[in-house]
């Protein structure tokens, strides 16, 4: 009797896409109602509403001040633009980048590459999740992306504080330098195109 040799075809499992890719594809497919935005932050898609009146007042005061400070230079402030980094997406309250954003496009033309962003500002939202997002998780994300300066304007830290974080360490997801001052005290941006810009009571006042 002759034994027949059978060629066995190996079974190959379909590769499972990694979480970042799954989130990326889901984020791109989202169709949100007006007034909401979606971001990818530390392994999750987060949907949040646009800010309250006070939130808008603070950001617009800061933007007007930055417009004047940066006038004539090659950087300007922006709002409502996606900032992308390795399948992560953030929509900062404000950021500073080259005046010609086409200089720093992302590969899929969905926003701008975080590598070209000089400064990001977040105004802390009132909810527990919003506070934790801006103070903790976005702080880590922006450090991982090596954003040179992260500014946090926080109505909910005591009587209000402004923190300027710089010298990011992407490997540790931390900022090595932090200057945190109460409202009414000026804090200075230490580096980049906004170096020397002071954030003080003109921005943070309540009236």
Protein backbone atom coordinates (compact mmCIF):
# COMPACT_ATOMS: atom_id res chain seq x y z
CA UNK A 1 0.00 0.00 0.00
CA UNK A 2 1.28 3.39 -0.91
CA UNK A 3 0.74 6.27 1.45
CA UNK A 4 -0.43 9.39 -0.29
CA UNK A 5 1.25 12.61 0.72
CA UNK A 6 -1.16 15.48 1.16
CA UNK A 7 0.01 19.06 1.05
CA UNK A 8 -1.47 20.91 3.98
CA UNK A 9 -2.33 24.52 3.36
CA UNK A 10 -1.64 26.54 6.52
CA UNK A 11 -4.56 28.49 7.91
CA UNK A 12 -3.72 32.15 8.32
CA UNK A 13 -5.92 34.18 10.59
CA UNK A 14 -7.04 37.52 9.27
CA UNK A 15 -4.87 40.15 10.88
CA UNK A 16 -6.63 42.17 13.53
CA UNK A 17 -6.15 45.91 13.03
CA UNK A 18 -4.65 47.68 16.00
CA UNK A 19 -6.77 49.91 18.20
CA UNK A 20 -5.32 53.13 16.81
CA UNK A 21 -6.34 52.15 13.29
CA UNK A 22 -9.83 51.07 14.37
CA UNK A 23 -10.37 54.36 16.19
CA UNK A 24 -8.96 56.32 13.27
CA UNK A 25 -11.33 54.75 10.76
CA UNK A 26 -14.30 55.16 13.13
CA UNK A 27 -13.42 58.81 13.75
CA UNK A 28 -13.21 59.55 10.03
CA UNK A 29 -16.64 58.00 9.49
CA UNK A 30 -18.39 59.99 12.23
CA UNK A 31 -21.16 62.41 11.30
CA UNK A 32 -21.79 64.60 14.33
CA UNK A 33 -24.64 67.05 14.83
CA UNK A 34 -23.76 70.73 14.73
CA UNK A 35 -22.22 71.96 17.96
CA UNK A 36 -20.26 68.78 18.77
CA UNK A 37 -16.70 67.71 18.09
CA UNK A 38 -14.89 64.37 18.28
CA UNK A 39 -11.29 63.80 19.30
CA UNK A 40 -9.11 60.71 19.72
CA UNK A 41 -7.44 60.93 23.13
CA UNK A 42 -5.42 58.12 24.71
CA UNK A 43 -7.19 55.23 23.04
CA UNK A 44 -10.75 56.55 23.00
CA UNK A 45 -12.98 58.72 20.83
CA UNK A 46 -14.39 61.54 22.91
CA UNK A 47 -17.36 63.61 21.80
CA UNK A 48 -17.89 66.95 23.51
CA UNK A 49 -20.08 70.01 22.93
CA UNK A 50 -18.74 73.40 21.97
CA UNK A 51 -17.81 75.65 24.87
CA UNK A 52 -19.99 77.93 26.99
CA UNK A 53 -19.95 81.73 26.77
CA UNK A 54 -17.11 82.17 29.28
CA UNK A 55 -15.06 79.61 27.35
CA UNK A 56 -15.49 81.59 24.14
CA UNK A 57 -14.74 84.91 25.83
CA UNK A 58 -11.39 83.66 27.17
CA UNK A 59 -10.26 82.14 23.89
CA UNK A 60 -11.26 85.14 21.80
CA UNK A 61 -9.49 87.56 24.14
CA UNK A 62 -6.37 85.44 23.87
CA UNK A 63 -6.63 85.14 20.11
CA UNK A 64 -6.97 88.89 19.65
CA UNK A 65 -3.92 89.47 21.86
CA UNK A 66 -1.90 86.88 19.95
CA UNK A 67 -2.95 88.36 16.61
CA UNK A 68 -1.38 91.64 17.69
CA UNK A 69 1.71 90.05 19.21
CA UNK A 70 2.42 87.90 16.14
CA UNK A 71 1.56 90.60 13.60
CA UNK A 72 4.13 90.74 10.83
CA UNK A 73 5.59 87.34 11.65
CA UNK A 74 5.21 83.95 9.99
CA UNK A 75 2.99 82.37 12.69
CA UNK A 76 -0.65 83.07 13.59
CA UNK A 77 -3.31 81.66 15.97
CA UNK A 78 -5.95 79.20 14.77
CA UNK A 79 -9.18 77.69 16.07
CA UNK A 80 -11.41 74.80 14.96
CA UNK A 81 -8.75 72.87 13.02
CA UNK A 82 -7.81 69.21 13.54
CA UNK A 83 -4.30 68.65 14.91
CA UNK A 84 -3.14 65.12 14.06
CA UNK A 85 -0.37 62.90 15.40
CA UNK A 86 0.04 59.16 14.76
CA UNK A 87 -3.66 58.35 14.37
CA UNK A 88 -4.63 60.72 17.18
CA UNK A 89 -6.81 63.75 16.59
CA UNK A 90 -7.26 66.82 18.79
CA UNK A 91 -9.20 70.00 18.26
CA UNK A 92 -7.50 72.50 20.56
CA UNK A 93 -9.31 75.62 21.69
CA UNK A 94 -6.47 77.56 20.07
CA UNK A 95 -3.06 76.83 18.59
CA UNK A 96 -0.21 78.73 16.96
CA UNK A 97 1.26 77.48 13.70
CA UNK A 98 2.70 78.81 10.43
CA UNK A 99 0.58 81.39 8.65
CA UNK A 100 0.54 79.08 5.63
CA UNK A 101 -0.98 75.88 7.02
CA UNK A 102 -0.26 74.11 3.74
CA UNK A 103 3.32 73.96 5.03
CA UNK A 104 2.29 71.38 7.65
CA UNK A 105 -0.48 69.22 6.15
CA UNK A 106 -1.26 65.77 7.51
CA UNK A 107 -0.93 62.85 5.12
CA UNK A 108 -4.70 62.48 4.57
CA UNK A 109 -5.47 66.21 4.28
CA UNK A 110 -7.74 66.12 7.35
CA UNK A 111 -5.94 68.76 9.37
CA UNK A 112 -2.41 69.76 10.30
CA UNK A 113 0.51 67.71 11.55
CA UNK A 114 1.30 68.28 15.22
CA UNK A 115 5.00 68.48 14.32
CA UNK A 116 4.41 71.99 12.94
CA UNK A 117 2.40 73.33 15.89
CA UNK A 118 4.30 75.72 18.17
CA UNK A 119 1.79 76.24 20.99
CA UNK A 120 -1.57 74.84 22.09
CA UNK A 121 -4.07 76.42 24.47
CA UNK A 122 -6.95 74.69 26.23
CA UNK A 123 -9.56 76.41 28.39
CA UNK A 124 -10.67 73.88 31.00
CA UNK A 125 -14.30 72.78 30.75
CA UNK A 126 -16.49 72.67 33.86
CA UNK A 127 -17.37 68.96 33.95
CA UNK A 128 -15.26 66.44 35.87
CA UNK A 129 -14.40 64.69 32.61
CA UNK A 130 -13.51 67.98 30.94
CA UNK A 131 -11.24 69.00 33.81
CA UNK A 132 -9.46 65.64 33.79
CA UNK A 133 -9.14 65.69 29.99
CA UNK A 134 -7.41 69.08 29.79
CA UNK A 135 -5.32 68.84 32.96
CA UNK A 136 -4.19 65.23 32.61
CA UNK A 137 -4.86 63.32 29.42
CA UNK A 138 -4.33 66.09 26.88
CA UNK A 139 -1.27 67.18 28.82
CA UNK A 140 0.21 63.71 28.25
CA UNK A 141 -0.89 63.59 24.61
CA UNK A 142 0.61 66.96 23.78
CA UNK A 143 3.88 65.99 25.49
CA UNK A 144 3.97 62.74 23.49
CA UNK A 145 3.55 64.78 20.32
CA UNK A 146 6.38 67.12 21.43
CA UNK A 147 4.17 70.23 21.28
CA UNK A 148 6.70 72.84 22.53
CA UNK A 149 4.27 74.84 24.71
CA UNK A 150 0.96 73.87 26.27
CA UNK A 151 -1.09 76.58 28.00
CA UNK A 152 -3.94 75.65 30.35
CA UNK A 153 -6.42 78.37 31.38
CA UNK A 154 -8.33 76.96 34.34
CA UNK A 155 -11.30 78.70 35.99
CA UNK A 156 -11.74 75.68 38.27
CA UNK A 157 -8.34 75.59 39.97
CA UNK A 158 -8.93 77.63 43.13
CA UNK A 159 -9.76 81.17 42.06
CA UNK A 160 -8.37 80.41 38.62
CA UNK A 161 -4.88 79.67 37.29
CA UNK A 162 -2.88 79.82 34.08
CA UNK A 163 -0.24 77.14 33.52
CA UNK A 164 2.46 77.33 30.85
CA UNK A 165 4.11 73.96 30.22
CA UNK A 166 7.24 73.61 28.12
CA UNK A 167 10.23 71.31 27.45
CA UNK A 168 8.19 68.21 26.49
CA UNK A 169 9.61 64.73 27.01
CA UNK A 170 7.75 62.53 24.48
CA UNK A 171 9.10 59.26 25.90
CA UNK A 172 7.79 59.99 29.40
CA UNK A 173 4.72 61.94 28.20
CA UNK A 174 5.55 64.83 30.53
CA UNK A 175 6.51 68.48 30.37
CA UNK A 176 9.72 69.12 32.28
CA UNK A 177 8.97 72.81 32.87
CA UNK A 178 5.79 74.24 34.38
CA UNK A 179 4.92 77.79 35.41
CA UNK A 180 1.54 78.02 37.14
CA UNK A 181 0.21 81.34 38.40
CA UNK A 182 -3.10 82.55 39.86
CA UNK A 183 -5.37 84.81 37.87
CA UNK A 184 -4.17 88.39 38.13
CA UNK A 185 -0.50 87.40 37.79
CA UNK A 186 1.20 87.39 34.40
CA UNK A 187 2.90 84.29 33.07
CA UNK A 188 5.31 84.46 30.11
CA UNK A 189 5.59 82.03 27.21
CA UNK A 190 9.26 80.93 27.34
CA UNK A 191 10.01 79.84 23.77
CA UNK A 192 8.94 79.64 20.15
CA UNK A 193 7.28 82.28 17.98
CA UNK A 194 5.23 83.50 20.97
CA UNK A 195 8.28 83.80 23.25
CA UNK A 196 7.82 86.72 25.62
CA UNK A 197 4.03 86.84 25.22
CA UNK A 198 2.37 87.54 28.59
CA UNK A 199 -0.94 86.01 29.65
CA UNK A 200 -2.52 87.99 32.46
CA UNK A 201 -5.64 89.68 33.74
CA UNK A 202 -6.51 91.20 30.37
CA UNK A 203 -7.33 87.64 29.25
CA UNK A 204 -8.60 85.99 32.44
CA UNK A 205 -10.71 88.77 34.02
CA UNK A 206 -14.36 87.96 34.64
CA UNK A 207 -15.75 91.30 33.45
